[in-house]
């Protein structure tokens, strides 16, 4: 097992953040997170109210020909249209948030919305651009496989798949599991949406994509599905190899002697260390170091929030990384010892509320539509202490 004490933790201690007393504001907190002086007496945000409002907003963002999907809009388009992988993947994310939020069992409107989402996620496998037999290149169908699978597995774990859709959902689960296997990168394992042309060509995997995909496979295995252990072991081995001496995780490929700043890596560090920990290949010190790095360097993520462009210097941070990082920060907290969680929750939630928009949504893109993604991930981050703990992997 790796024994890494992240250099990011040294940065935290040097900044005095780790020793800050509850209720104080660290000196490095960015302007967007600093309250006005008059706000000292302001009532703190209500997490239950924010979740309720956020989920209602997401529910009302459902769209499409059958009012069945939550498409994620980014700069990448296929013939001018949002690609099917983004549409399925983000529908899985938004629908999962609705299912996990309090009150779902007694709300018929939400149940009807989820039934439509199930139909869309299942029907989507018939789209040509969801076929796992593709020739590489830049392509986002993998996000549909990962988050579509996680959504259906969530419903199945709670026995919430509509009775008339059980058989179709089961078929779709098997499709996604197989598609993930078929699209792993040859020889090295792992997954990446940015690959060279040629499906048999070896290419650098992406931790950003590999970690969530492995979590989907962990959950499928826990529910009794047959998962090829070689696929998982290759993915885990790649994630281990993606580390730098600082504790950072590179954007793609192996770490080695690459230069990759910690501020631009904090989101994938959190997802990577959590997945490796769930597989018995990392430890709570590494998770803690990744969380400390996220808090200290959050201002660099915030500089790219809702901005144009994608990977921008000096740390090559893309706007769409922002709420992804918050979601995996919240998940990582719940893997720490119980006595440490409350303070980390407070710090991460304070940052999350500092960028909530006046209408109650969260959006890290310049596209209005992508508020569905940001709000779904943010509300799930706020719900994380009450959500089922992620399952692990045993070889």
Protein backbone atom coordinates (compact mmCIF):
# COMPACT_ATOMS: atom_id res chain seq x y z
CA UNK A 1 0.00 0.00 0.00
CA UNK A 2 1.24 3.50 -0.78
CA UNK A 3 2.27 5.58 2.20
CA UNK A 4 1.94 9.15 1.03
CA UNK A 5 1.54 12.16 3.22
CA UNK A 6 0.44 14.68 0.63
CA UNK A 7 2.59 17.78 0.26
CA UNK A 8 -0.72 19.56 0.04
CA UNK A 9 -1.08 19.02 3.79
CA UNK A 10 2.14 20.96 4.37
CA UNK A 11 0.66 23.83 2.40
CA UNK A 12 -2.39 23.74 4.63
CA UNK A 13 -0.36 23.85 7.80
CA UNK A 14 1.80 26.66 6.45
CA UNK A 15 -1.33 28.63 5.64
CA UNK A 16 -2.61 28.14 9.16
CA UNK A 17 -5.82 26.69 7.79
CA UNK A 18 -5.67 23.32 9.48
CA UNK A 19 -5.39 25.01 12.87
CA UNK A 20 -8.14 27.56 12.28
CA UNK A 21 -10.76 27.61 15.01
CA UNK A 22 -14.39 26.90 14.15
CA UNK A 23 -16.18 30.05 13.12
CA UNK A 24 -13.10 31.87 11.85
CA UNK A 25 -12.35 32.70 8.24
CA UNK A 26 -8.94 31.60 6.88
CA UNK A 27 -6.82 34.38 5.45
CA UNK A 28 -6.68 32.68 2.07
CA UNK A 29 -10.45 32.56 1.57
CA UNK A 30 -11.27 34.21 -1.79
CA UNK A 31 -13.39 37.32 -2.09
CA UNK A 32 -16.39 35.37 -3.36
CA UNK A 33 -16.49 33.43 -0.09
CA UNK A 34 -16.00 36.35 2.32
CA UNK A 35 -19.20 37.55 4.00
CA UNK A 36 -19.88 41.24 4.42
CA UNK A 37 -19.32 42.59 7.92
CA UNK A 38 -23.04 42.91 8.46
CA UNK A 39 -23.48 39.21 7.65
CA UNK A 40 -21.96 38.17 10.96
CA UNK A 41 -25.38 38.16 12.54
CA UNK A 42 -27.03 36.61 9.48
CA UNK A 43 -28.70 33.28 9.98
CA UNK A 44 -26.58 30.51 8.43
CA UNK A 45 -28.00 28.80 5.35
CA UNK A 46 -30.40 25.97 6.01
CA UNK A 47 -29.13 22.78 4.43
CA UNK A 48 -32.57 21.09 4.38
CA UNK A 49 -34.13 24.17 2.75
CA UNK A 50 -31.35 24.38 0.17
CA UNK A 51 -31.79 20.71 -0.70
CA UNK A 52 -35.57 21.01 -1.01
CA UNK A 53 -35.37 24.10 -3.19
CA UNK A 54 -32.53 22.73 -5.30
CA UNK A 55 -34.32 19.46 -5.97
CA UNK A 56 -37.51 21.27 -6.93
CA UNK A 57 -35.53 23.40 -9.36
CA UNK A 58 -33.85 20.34 -10.89
CA UNK A 59 -37.21 18.60 -11.19
CA UNK A 60 -38.59 21.52 -13.18
CA UNK A 61 -35.56 21.49 -15.52
CA UNK A 62 -36.51 18.14 -17.02
CA UNK A 63 -36.93 18.58 -20.76
CA UNK A 64 -36.87 16.88 -24.16
CA UNK A 65 -39.46 15.48 -26.53
CA UNK A 66 -40.94 13.28 -23.79
CA UNK A 67 -39.94 15.60 -20.93
CA UNK A 68 -37.67 12.75 -19.87
CA UNK A 69 -34.10 14.05 -19.72
CA UNK A 70 -31.69 16.50 -18.18
CA UNK A 71 -29.09 17.17 -20.91
CA UNK A 72 -25.72 18.55 -19.86
CA UNK A 73 -24.59 21.40 -22.07
CA UNK A 74 -20.91 22.08 -22.62
CA UNK A 75 -18.76 23.34 -25.47
CA UNK A 76 -18.52 19.88 -27.03
CA UNK A 77 -21.22 19.20 -29.59
CA UNK A 78 -21.84 16.54 -32.23
CA UNK A 79 -23.17 18.10 -35.44
CA UNK A 80 -24.24 21.07 -33.34
CA UNK A 81 -26.20 18.94 -30.87
CA UNK A 82 -25.59 17.89 -27.26
CA UNK A 83 -24.11 14.36 -27.52
CA UNK A 84 -26.16 11.44 -26.27
CA UNK A 85 -23.50 10.49 -23.70
CA UNK A 86 -23.91 13.86 -21.99
CA UNK A 87 -27.67 13.55 -22.14
CA UNK A 88 -27.81 10.09 -20.57
CA UNK A 89 -25.06 10.69 -18.03
CA UNK A 90 -26.49 13.93 -16.73
CA UNK A 91 -30.00 12.49 -16.65
CA UNK A 92 -28.59 9.80 -14.37
CA UNK A 93 -26.99 12.42 -12.11
CA UNK A 94 -30.07 14.66 -11.87
CA UNK A 95 -32.50 11.76 -11.44
CA UNK A 96 -30.29 10.26 -8.71
CA UNK A 97 -30.40 13.52 -6.76
CA UNK A 98 -34.21 13.52 -6.90
CA UNK A 99 -34.43 9.90 -5.74
CA UNK A 100 -32.00 10.45 -2.86
CA UNK A 101 -33.60 13.63 -1.53
CA UNK A 102 -36.09 13.48 1.35
CA UNK A 103 -39.75 13.19 0.35
CA UNK A 104 -39.38 11.15 -2.82
CA UNK A 105 -41.54 8.25 -1.60
CA UNK A 106 -44.57 10.50 -1.13
CA UNK A 107 -44.27 12.67 -4.23
CA UNK A 108 -46.01 11.36 -7.34
CA UNK A 109 -44.66 14.14 -9.52
CA UNK A 110 -41.13 13.04 -8.73
CA UNK A 111 -41.97 9.38 -9.31
CA UNK A 112 -43.43 10.20 -12.71
CA UNK A 113 -40.32 12.20 -13.61
CA UNK A 114 -38.07 9.30 -12.62
CA UNK A 115 -40.16 6.82 -14.63
CA UNK A 116 -39.65 9.03 -17.70
CA UNK A 117 -35.92 9.25 -16.93
CA UNK A 118 -35.63 5.47 -16.67
CA UNK A 119 -37.29 5.12 -20.07
CA UNK A 120 -34.85 7.64 -21.57
CA UNK A 121 -31.74 6.09 -20.02
CA UNK A 122 -32.81 2.65 -21.23
CA UNK A 123 -33.91 3.75 -24.70
CA UNK A 124 -30.64 5.63 -25.13
CA UNK A 125 -28.61 2.45 -25.55
CA UNK A 126 -30.13 2.10 -29.03
CA UNK A 127 -28.48 5.34 -30.19
CA UNK A 128 -25.57 4.73 -32.60
CA UNK A 129 -23.27 6.89 -30.48
CA UNK A 130 -23.81 4.65 -27.46
CA UNK A 131 -22.47 1.57 -29.24
CA UNK A 132 -19.30 0.38 -27.40
CA UNK A 133 -17.83 -0.76 -30.71
CA UNK A 134 -16.46 2.63 -31.69
CA UNK A 135 -13.15 3.74 -33.11
CA UNK A 136 -11.84 5.99 -30.36
CA UNK A 137 -11.31 9.71 -30.71
CA UNK A 138 -12.84 12.43 -28.53
CA UNK A 139 -16.12 10.95 -27.38
CA UNK A 140 -18.31 11.18 -24.26
CA UNK A 141 -20.43 8.02 -24.45
CA UNK A 142 -18.51 6.72 -21.44
CA UNK A 143 -20.14 9.31 -19.19
CA UNK A 144 -23.48 7.85 -20.25
CA UNK A 145 -22.32 4.34 -19.40
CA UNK A 146 -21.01 5.34 -15.96
CA UNK A 147 -23.73 7.60 -14.64
CA UNK A 148 -26.55 5.80 -16.44
CA UNK A 149 -25.42 2.59 -14.74
CA UNK A 150 -25.08 4.25 -11.33
CA UNK A 151 -28.61 5.65 -11.61
CA UNK A 152 -30.21 2.31 -12.47
CA UNK A 153 -28.23 0.53 -9.75
CA UNK A 154 -29.40 3.14 -7.23
CA UNK A 155 -33.02 2.54 -8.16
CA UNK A 156 -32.58 -1.23 -8.01
CA UNK A 157 -30.93 -1.05 -4.58
CA UNK A 158 -34.01 0.77 -3.29
CA UNK A 159 -36.50 -1.36 -5.23
CA UNK A 160 -37.73 1.77 -7.02
CA UNK A 161 -37.62 0.72 -10.66
CA UNK A 162 -41.21 1.02 -11.97
CA UNK A 163 -42.67 -2.51 -12.31
CA UNK A 164 -43.30 -2.18 -16.04
CA UNK A 165 -39.66 -1.16 -16.63
CA UNK A 166 -37.87 -3.82 -14.57
CA UNK A 167 -36.96 -6.09 -17.49
CA UNK A 168 -35.81 -3.22 -19.69
CA UNK A 169 -33.76 -1.73 -16.86
CA UNK A 170 -32.10 -5.08 -16.21
CA UNK A 171 -31.16 -5.40 -19.86
CA UNK A 172 -29.76 -1.87 -19.80
CA UNK A 173 -27.68 -2.52 -16.69
CA UNK A 174 -26.03 -5.47 -18.44
CA UNK A 175 -25.48 -3.32 -21.53
CA UNK A 176 -23.68 -0.62 -19.54
CA UNK A 177 -21.51 -3.09 -17.65
CA UNK A 178 -20.43 -4.70 -20.90
CA UNK A 179 -19.92 -1.32 -22.60
CA UNK A 180 -17.61 -0.21 -19.80
CA UNK A 181 -15.61 -3.41 -20.22
CA UNK A 182 -15.46 -3.08 -24.00
CA UNK A 183 -14.31 0.53 -23.92
CA UNK A 184 -11.51 0.19 -21.39
CA UNK A 185 -8.22 1.31 -22.92
CA UNK A 186 -6.26 -1.68 -24.28
CA UNK A 187 -3.39 -3.03 -22.16
CA UNK A 188 -3.26 -0.22 -19.59
CA UNK A 189 -6.92 -0.25 -18.57
CA UNK A 190 -8.89 2.74 -17.31
CA UNK A 191 -11.02 5.09 -19.40
CA UNK A 192 -10.70 8.45 -21.09
CA UNK A 193 -13.11 10.50 -23.18
CA UNK A 194 -10.15 12.06 -25.02
CA UNK A 195 -8.45 9.25 -26.91
CA UNK A 196 -6.63 9.00 -30.22
CA UNK A 197 -8.46 7.36 -33.10
CA UNK A 198 -8.17 3.60 -33.20
CA UNK A 199 -10.01 1.53 -30.61
CA UNK A 200 -7.08 -0.87 -30.25
CA UNK A 201 -4.55 1.90 -29.71
CA UNK A 202 -2.98 2.18 -26.26
CA UNK A 203 -3.62 5.65 -24.82
CA UNK A 204 -3.29 7.50 -21.50
CA UNK A 205 -6.33 6.92 -19.25
CA UNK A 206 -7.93 9.73 -17.27
CA UNK A 207 -8.29 9.55 -13.45
CA UNK A 208 -11.13 12.08 -13.78
CA UNK A 209 -13.17 9.46 -15.66
CA UNK A 210 -11.67 6.22 -14.38
CA UNK A 211 -12.47 6.76 -10.69
CA UNK A 212 -16.27 7.26 -11.09
CA UNK A 213 -16.42 4.38 -13.57
CA UNK A 214 -14.75 2.04 -11.10
CA UNK A 215 -17.23 3.09 -8.43
CA UNK A 216 -20.07 2.09 -10.76
CA UNK A 217 -18.46 -1.34 -11.18
CA UNK A 218 -17.97 -1.70 -7.41
CA UNK A 219 -21.70 -1.11 -6.90
CA UNK A 220 -22.64 -3.52 -9.68
CA UNK A 221 -20.47 -6.23 -8.13
CA UNK A 222 -22.04 -5.61 -4.71
CA UNK A 223 -25.47 -6.15 -6.25
CA UNK A 224 -24.46 -9.53 -7.64
CA UNK A 225 -23.53 -8.68 -11.22
CA UNK A 226 -20.58 -10.46 -12.76
CA UNK A 227 -17.72 -8.00 -13.14
CA UNK A 228 -14.47 -8.99 -14.82
CA UNK A 229 -11.88 -8.51 -12.05
CA UNK A 230 -9.16 -7.85 -14.61
CA UNK A 231 -11.00 -4.75 -15.80
CA UNK A 232 -11.17 -3.39 -12.25
CA UNK A 233 -7.62 -4.35 -11.30
CA UNK A 234 -6.19 -2.63 -14.38
CA UNK A 235 -8.16 0.50 -13.54
CA UNK A 236 -6.94 0.50 -9.95
CA UNK A 237 -3.36 -0.10 -11.00
CA UNK A 238 -3.58 2.86 -13.36
CA UNK A 239 -4.95 5.14 -10.62
CA UNK A 240 -2.03 4.19 -8.39
CA UNK A 241 0.41 5.01 -11.19
CA UNK A 242 -1.15 8.44 -11.81
CA UNK A 243 0.28 9.93 -8.60
CA UNK A 244 3.07 12.47 -8.29
CA UNK A 245 5.37 12.84 -5.31
CA UNK A 246 3.31 15.81 -4.10
CA UNK A 247 0.20 13.63 -3.78
CA UNK A 248 -1.31 15.24 -6.88
CA UNK A 249 -2.88 13.10 -9.60
CA UNK A 250 -2.08 13.89 -13.23
CA UNK A 251 -4.77 14.75 -15.76
CA UNK A 252 -4.03 11.64 -17.81
CA UNK A 253 -1.47 8.88 -18.01
CA UNK A 254 1.13 7.91 -15.44
CA UNK A 255 2.58 10.34 -12.93
CA UNK A 256 6.29 9.66 -12.87
CA UNK A 257 8.30 12.86 -13.13
CA UNK A 258 5.55 14.96 -14.71
CA UNK A 259 4.95 18.47 -13.43
CA UNK A 260 1.32 18.92 -12.46
CA UNK A 261 0.28 21.52 -9.90
CA UNK A 262 -1.80 20.44 -6.92
CA UNK A 263 -4.38 23.27 -7.35
CA UNK A 264 -5.49 21.90 -10.69
CA UNK A 265 -5.65 18.32 -9.45
CA UNK A 266 -7.73 18.53 -6.28
CA UNK A 267 -11.00 17.18 -7.74
CA UNK A 268 -9.43 14.10 -9.30
CA UNK A 269 -7.26 13.63 -6.20
CA UNK A 270 -10.43 13.32 -4.11
CA UNK A 271 -12.12 10.88 -6.47
CA UNK A 272 -8.94 8.84 -6.93
CA UNK A 273 -7.99 8.51 -3.26
CA UNK A 274 -11.57 7.60 -2.33
CA UNK A 275 -11.77 4.82 -4.93
CA UNK A 276 -8.34 3.46 -4.02
CA UNK A 277 -9.31 3.52 -0.35
CA UNK A 278 -12.51 1.61 -1.09
CA UNK A 279 -10.35 -1.01 -2.79
CA UNK A 280 -7.88 -1.21 0.09
CA UNK A 281 -5.13 0.61 -1.82
CA UNK A 282 -5.04 3.99 -0.11
CA UNK A 283 -5.59 5.28 3.40
CA UNK A 284 -7.32 8.01 5.37
CA UNK A 285 -4.16 10.11 5.51
CA UNK A 286 -4.21 10.42 1.73
CA UNK A 287 -7.91 11.26 1.73
CA UNK A 288 -7.34 13.89 4.40
CA UNK A 289 -4.45 15.37 2.42
CA UNK A 290 -6.64 15.59 -0.69
CA UNK A 291 -9.40 17.32 1.28
CA UNK A 292 -6.95 19.81 2.77
CA UNK A 293 -5.62 20.55 -0.70
CA UNK A 294 -9.16 21.10 -1.98
CA UNK A 295 -9.92 23.63 0.76
CA UNK A 296 -6.63 25.52 0.47
CA UNK A 297 -6.64 25.70 -3.32
CA UNK A 298 -10.39 26.17 -3.77
CA UNK A 299 -9.85 29.74 -4.92
CA UNK A 300 -8.16 28.44 -8.08
CA UNK A 301 -11.22 26.35 -8.89
CA UNK A 302 -13.42 29.36 -8.20
CA UNK A 303 -11.44 31.52 -10.63
CA UNK A 304 -12.53 29.18 -13.43
CA UNK A 305 -16.15 28.76 -12.33
CA UNK A 306 -18.66 29.93 -14.95
CA UNK A 307 -15.89 31.18 -17.26
CA UNK A 308 -15.38 30.66 -20.97
CA UNK A 309 -12.87 28.17 -22.30
CA UNK A 310 -11.85 24.83 -20.85
CA UNK A 311 -8.34 24.11 -19.55
CA UNK A 312 -6.74 27.46 -18.73
CA UNK A 313 -3.28 28.21 -17.30
CA UNK A 314 -1.65 28.23 -14.84
CA UNK A 315 -3.27 25.06 -13.50
CA UNK A 316 -5.29 23.99 -16.56
CA UNK A 317 -8.58 23.95 -14.67
CA UNK A 318 -11.80 23.60 -16.64
CA UNK A 319 -15.06 25.13 -15.34
CA UNK A 320 -16.91 21.80 -15.43
CA UNK A 321 -14.49 20.49 -12.82
CA UNK A 322 -15.97 22.69 -10.08
CA UNK A 323 -19.05 20.83 -8.81
CA UNK A 324 -17.52 17.48 -9.68
CA UNK A 325 -14.83 18.36 -7.15
CA UNK A 326 -17.37 19.42 -4.50
CA UNK A 327 -19.32 16.18 -4.87
CA UNK A 328 -16.23 14.02 -4.43
CA UNK A 329 -15.01 16.20 -1.56
CA UNK A 330 -18.29 15.52 0.24
CA UNK A 331 -17.98 11.80 -0.44
CA UNK A 332 -14.36 11.73 0.74
CA UNK A 333 -15.32 13.34 4.05
CA UNK A 334 -17.56 10.40 4.88
CA UNK A 335 -14.59 8.03 4.54
CA UNK A 336 -12.68 9.79 7.33
CA UNK A 337 -12.94 8.88 11.03
CA UNK A 338 -16.29 10.01 12.37
CA UNK A 339 -14.82 12.56 14.79
CA UNK A 340 -13.24 14.49 11.89
CA UNK A 341 -16.24 14.72 9.60
CA UNK A 342 -18.24 17.58 11.12
CA UNK A 343 -15.53 20.22 10.70
CA UNK A 344 -14.72 19.16 7.15
CA UNK A 345 -18.43 19.19 6.30
CA UNK A 346 -18.73 22.72 7.67
CA UNK A 347 -15.78 24.00 5.65
CA UNK A 348 -16.84 22.39 2.37
CA UNK A 349 -20.48 23.41 2.82
CA UNK A 350 -19.46 27.00 3.57
CA UNK A 351 -17.59 27.10 0.28
CA UNK A 352 -20.52 25.54 -1.54
CA UNK A 353 -23.01 28.07 -0.16
CA UNK A 354 -20.66 30.94 -1.00
CA UNK A 355 -21.22 30.28 -4.71
CA UNK A 356 -24.92 29.42 -4.66
CA UNK A 357 -26.77 31.62 -7.14
CA UNK A 358 -29.61 33.93 -6.02
CA UNK A 359 -32.26 31.66 -7.56
CA UNK A 360 -31.07 28.69 -5.45
CA UNK A 361 -29.15 26.87 -8.20
CA UNK A 362 -25.47 26.13 -8.66
CA UNK A 363 -23.90 26.43 -12.11
CA UNK A 364 -20.22 26.20 -13.07
CA UNK A 365 -20.74 26.86 -16.78
CA UNK A 366 -21.73 29.84 -18.93
CA UNK A 367 -24.67 27.80 -20.21
CA UNK A 368 -27.95 28.25 -18.36
CA UNK A 369 -28.97 24.64 -19.00
CA UNK A 370 -25.99 23.22 -17.10
CA UNK A 371 -27.46 24.49 -13.82
CA UNK A 372 -29.18 21.10 -13.70
CA UNK A 373 -25.79 19.36 -13.36
CA UNK A 374 -24.35 21.82 -10.83
CA UNK A 375 -27.47 21.85 -8.68
CA UNK A 376 -27.83 18.06 -8.68
CA UNK A 377 -24.21 17.48 -7.68
CA UNK A 378 -24.39 20.24 -5.05
CA UNK A 379 -27.56 18.97 -3.42
CA UNK A 380 -26.12 15.45 -3.29
CA UNK A 381 -22.98 16.88 -1.69
CA UNK A 382 -25.15 18.48 0.99
CA UNK A 383 -27.05 15.20 1.47
CA UNK A 384 -23.89 13.10 1.62
CA UNK A 385 -23.83 12.47 5.41
CA UNK A 386 -27.22 10.77 5.12
CA UNK A 387 -26.60 8.84 1.90
CA UNK A 388 -25.61 5.16 1.76
CA UNK A 389 -21.86 4.78 2.04
CA UNK A 390 -20.11 3.76 -1.20
CA UNK A 391 -19.29 0.09 -1.44
CA UNK A 392 -15.78 -1.26 -1.64
CA UNK A 393 -13.98 -3.74 -3.85
CA UNK A 394 -12.37 -6.98 -2.78
CA UNK A 395 -10.10 -8.76 -5.29
